[in-house]
Amino acid sequence: MNAVSDNAGKLDALKWLVALAVLVAGLYANAEYAALTLLYRVLAGIVIAGVVVAIALTTVQGRATWDLAKEARVEIRKVVWPTRQETTQTTLIVVVMVIFVGLILWALDSTLSWSVSGLIG
């Protein structure tokens, strides 16, 4: 590793601490100003969350998470989603199979229970 990545790692810890401090300060302020209108507290919470996310995105882990989210969005666009008919048919097949297996297990349990009751007396 070079000196730049070492410094980035050290600064990342500081950035995470600052983000945590901003978050804790926001939570404290929300509790302190509980009498204030809910709208103002929600707007302040959104601003504080934006500041925390902005700080987190400047870290190595934050950038990696953002890149992962962008790549996941690209991949999900490639998915071929089933049609309504395919979804309905698959759901019905699963329901029928669950009922069928349930009946088989019930019959097996009843038979074994009857057999054991007959042996025990």
C-alpha atoms as a PDB file:
ATOM      1  CA  MET A   1       0.000   0.000   0.000  1.00  0.00           C
ATOM      2  CA  ASN A   2       1.156   3.502  -0.625  1.00  0.00           C
ATOM      3  CA  ALA A   3       1.062   6.524   1.633  1.00  0.00           C
ATOM      4  CA  VAL A   4      -2.062   7.948   0.003  1.00  0.00           C
ATOM      5  CA  SER A   5      -4.153   4.860   0.806  1.00  0.00           C
ATOM      6  CA  ASP A   6      -2.808   4.770   4.368  1.00  0.00           C
ATOM      7  CA  ASN A   7      -3.810   8.412   4.871  1.00  0.00           C
ATOM      8  CA  ALA A   8      -7.218   7.736   3.306  1.00  0.00           C
ATOM      9  CA  GLY A   9      -7.763   4.891   5.773  1.00  0.00           C
ATOM     10  CA  LYS A  10      -6.851   7.127   8.716  1.00  0.00           C
ATOM     11  CA  LEU A  11      -9.069   9.916   7.449  1.00  0.00           C
ATOM     12  CA  ASP A  12     -11.879   7.447   6.861  1.00  0.00           C
ATOM     13  CA  ALA A  13     -12.002   6.610  10.558  1.00  0.00           C
ATOM     14  CA  LEU A  14     -12.199  10.322  11.351  1.00  0.00           C
ATOM     15  CA  LYS A  15     -14.947  10.809   8.754  1.00  0.00           C
ATOM     16  CA  TRP A  16     -16.959   7.936  10.249  1.00  0.00           C
ATOM     17  CA  LEU A  17     -16.571   9.482  13.700  1.00  0.00           C
ATOM     18  CA  VAL A  18     -17.763  12.855  12.386  1.00  0.00           C
ATOM     19  CA  ALA A  19     -20.736  11.188  10.679  1.00  0.00           C
ATOM     20  CA  LEU A  20     -21.595   9.364  13.908  1.00  0.00           C
ATOM     21  CA  ALA A  21     -21.255  12.607  15.888  1.00  0.00           C
ATOM     22  CA  VAL A  22     -23.589  14.426  13.473  1.00  0.00           C
ATOM     23  CA  LEU A  23     -26.102  11.584  13.732  1.00  0.00           C
ATOM     24  CA  VAL A  24     -25.986  11.545  17.540  1.00  0.00           C
ATOM     25  CA  ALA A  25     -26.306  15.349  17.631  1.00  0.00           C
ATOM     26  CA  GLY A  26     -29.338  15.114  15.364  1.00  0.00           C
ATOM     27  CA  LEU A  27     -30.973  12.488  17.557  1.00  0.00           C
ATOM     28  CA  TYR A  28     -30.283  14.597  20.644  1.00  0.00           C
ATOM     29  CA  ALA A  29     -31.683  17.718  18.962  1.00  0.00           C
ATOM     30  CA  ASN A  30     -34.809  15.805  17.927  1.00  0.00           C
ATOM     31  CA  ALA A  31     -35.386  14.747  21.527  1.00  0.00           C
ATOM     32  CA  GLU A  32     -34.559  18.206  22.873  1.00  0.00           C
ATOM     33  CA  TYR A  33     -36.955  19.989  20.521  1.00  0.00           C
ATOM     34  CA  ALA A  34     -39.815  17.488  20.850  1.00  0.00           C
ATOM     35  CA  ALA A  35     -42.267  20.349  21.385  1.00  0.00           C
ATOM     36  CA  LEU A  36     -41.439  21.770  17.945  1.00  0.00           C
ATOM     37  CA  THR A  37     -43.753  21.016  15.039  1.00  0.00           C
ATOM     38  CA  LEU A  38     -43.243  17.522  13.593  1.00  0.00           C
ATOM     39  CA  LEU A  39     -42.747  18.928  10.086  1.00  0.00           C
ATOM     40  CA  TYR A  40     -39.706  20.958  11.164  1.00  0.00           C
ATOM     41  CA  ARG A  41     -38.190  18.015  12.998  1.00  0.00           C
ATOM     42  CA  VAL A  42     -38.714  15.717   9.980  1.00  0.00           C
ATOM     43  CA  LEU A  43     -37.140  18.282   7.632  1.00  0.00           C
ATOM     44  CA  ALA A  44     -34.190  18.682   9.996  1.00  0.00           C
ATOM     45  CA  GLY A  45     -33.872  14.892  10.175  1.00  0.00           C
ATOM     46  CA  ILE A  46     -33.782  14.650   6.386  1.00  0.00           C
ATOM     47  CA  VAL A  47     -31.088  17.324   6.214  1.00  0.00           C
ATOM     48  CA  ILE A  48     -29.042  15.598   8.918  1.00  0.00           C
ATOM     49  CA  ALA A  49     -29.412  12.237   7.181  1.00  0.00           C
ATOM     50  CA  GLY A  50     -28.242  13.867   3.943  1.00  0.00           C
ATOM     51  CA  VAL A  51     -25.177  15.296   5.693  1.00  0.00           C
ATOM     52  CA  VAL A  52     -24.356  11.902   7.251  1.00  0.00           C
ATOM     53  CA  VAL A  53     -24.716  10.145   3.881  1.00  0.00           C
ATOM     54  CA  ALA A  54     -22.606  12.820   2.169  1.00  0.00           C
ATOM     55  CA  ILE A  55     -19.845  12.351   4.739  1.00  0.00           C
ATOM     56  CA  ALA A  56     -20.073   8.555   4.485  1.00  0.00           C
ATOM     57  CA  LEU A  57     -19.843   8.660   0.677  1.00  0.00           C
ATOM     58  CA  THR A  58     -16.469  10.380   0.896  1.00  0.00           C
ATOM     59  CA  THR A  59     -14.967   7.311   2.581  1.00  0.00           C
ATOM     60  CA  VAL A  60     -13.541   4.285   0.787  1.00  0.00           C
ATOM     61  CA  GLN A  61     -16.300   2.027   2.135  1.00  0.00           C
ATOM     62  CA  GLY A  62     -18.954   4.584   1.225  1.00  0.00           C
ATOM     63  CA  ARG A  63     -17.714   4.849  -2.354  1.00  0.00           C
ATOM     64  CA  ALA A  64     -17.570   1.055  -2.626  1.00  0.00           C
ATOM     65  CA  THR A  65     -21.144   0.793  -1.341  1.00  0.00           C
ATOM     66  CA  TRP A  66     -22.316   3.440  -3.818  1.00  0.00           C
ATOM     67  CA  ASP A  67     -20.566   1.625  -6.684  1.00  0.00           C
ATOM     68  CA  LEU A  68     -22.191  -1.648  -5.602  1.00  0.00           C
ATOM     69  CA  ALA A  69     -25.622   0.007  -5.576  1.00  0.00           C
ATOM     70  CA  LYS A  70     -25.077   1.395  -9.082  1.00  0.00           C
ATOM     71  CA  GLU A  71     -23.923  -1.995 -10.380  1.00  0.00           C
ATOM     72  CA  ALA A  72     -26.906  -3.710  -8.732  1.00  0.00           C
ATOM     73  CA  ARG A  73     -29.235  -1.251 -10.456  1.00  0.00           C
ATOM     74  CA  VAL A  74     -27.660  -2.089 -13.818  1.00  0.00           C
ATOM     75  CA  GLU A  75     -27.975  -5.825 -13.135  1.00  0.00           C
ATOM     76  CA  ILE A  76     -31.601  -5.621 -12.030  1.00  0.00           C
ATOM     77  CA  ARG A  77     -32.474  -3.982 -15.339  1.00  0.00           C
ATOM     78  CA  LYS A  78     -31.151  -7.101 -17.070  1.00  0.00           C
ATOM     79  CA  VAL A  79     -33.558  -9.396 -15.223  1.00  0.00           C
ATOM     80  CA  VAL A  80     -36.349 -10.904 -17.292  1.00  0.00           C
ATOM     81  CA  TRP A  81     -39.356 -10.741 -14.999  1.00  0.00           C
ATOM     82  CA  PRO A  82     -42.109 -13.386 -15.322  1.00  0.00           C
ATOM     83  CA  THR A  83     -45.436 -12.424 -16.791  1.00  0.00           C
ATOM     84  CA  ARG A  84     -48.593 -12.344 -14.713  1.00  0.00           C
ATOM     85  CA  GLN A  85     -49.703 -15.662 -16.204  1.00  0.00           C
ATOM     86  CA  GLU A  86     -46.382 -17.359 -15.404  1.00  0.00           C
ATOM     87  CA  THR A  87     -46.501 -16.031 -11.841  1.00  0.00           C
ATOM     88  CA  THR A  88     -50.070 -17.256 -11.344  1.00  0.00           C
ATOM     89  CA  GLN A  89     -49.302 -20.706 -12.746  1.00  0.00           C
ATOM     90  CA  THR A  90     -46.170 -21.106 -10.640  1.00  0.00           C
ATOM     91  CA  THR A  91     -48.021 -19.995  -7.513  1.00  0.00           C
ATOM     92  CA  LEU A  92     -50.815 -22.486  -8.140  1.00  0.00           C
ATOM     93  CA  ILE A  93     -48.311 -25.306  -8.696  1.00  0.00           C
ATOM     94  CA  VAL A  94     -46.591 -24.482  -5.398  1.00  0.00           C
ATOM     95  CA  VAL A  95     -49.908 -24.340  -3.510  1.00  0.00           C
ATOM     96  CA  VAL A  96     -51.068 -27.685  -4.960  1.00  0.00           C
ATOM     97  CA  MET A  97     -47.743 -29.355  -4.140  1.00  0.00           C
ATOM     98  CA  VAL A  98     -47.776 -28.015  -0.564  1.00  0.00           C
ATOM     99  CA  ILE A  99     -51.286 -29.397  -0.053  1.00  0.00           C
ATOM    100  CA  PHE A 100     -50.307 -32.727  -1.643  1.00  0.00           C
ATOM    101  CA  VAL A 101     -47.192 -33.154   0.508  1.00  0.00           C
ATOM    102  CA  GLY A 102     -49.182 -32.073   3.573  1.00  0.00           C
ATOM    103  CA  LEU A 103     -51.759 -34.789   2.923  1.00  0.00           C
ATOM    104  CA  ILE A 104     -49.033 -37.412   2.436  1.00  0.00           C
ATOM    105  CA  LEU A 105     -47.354 -36.400   5.707  1.00  0.00           C
ATOM    106  CA  TRP A 106     -50.734 -36.419   7.501  1.00  0.00           C
ATOM    107  CA  ALA A 107     -51.470 -39.925   6.198  1.00  0.00           C
ATOM    108  CA  LEU A 108     -48.006 -41.146   7.188  1.00  0.00           C
ATOM    109  CA  ASP A 109     -48.299 -39.593  10.650  1.00  0.00           C
ATOM    110  CA  SER A 110     -51.757 -41.073  11.167  1.00  0.00           C
ATOM    111  CA  THR A 111     -50.607 -44.525  10.066  1.00  0.00           C
ATOM    112  CA  LEU A 112     -47.535 -44.465  12.300  1.00  0.00           C
ATOM    113  CA  SER A 113     -49.557 -43.118  15.217  1.00  0.00           C
ATOM    114  CA  TRP A 114     -52.179 -45.863  14.764  1.00  0.00           C
ATOM    115  CA  SER A 115     -49.420 -48.487  14.494  1.00  0.00           C
ATOM    116  CA  VAL A 116     -47.609 -47.332  17.631  1.00  0.00           C
ATOM    117  CA  SER A 117     -50.905 -47.105  19.558  1.00  0.00           C
ATOM    118  CA  GLY A 118     -51.690 -50.677  18.500  1.00  0.00           C
ATOM    119  CA  LEU A 119     -48.292 -51.939  19.684  1.00  0.00           C
ATOM    120  CA  ILE A 120     -48.344 -50.106  22.987  1.00  0.00           C
ATOM    121  CA  GLY A 121     -51.892 -50.955  23.788  1.00  0.00           C
END
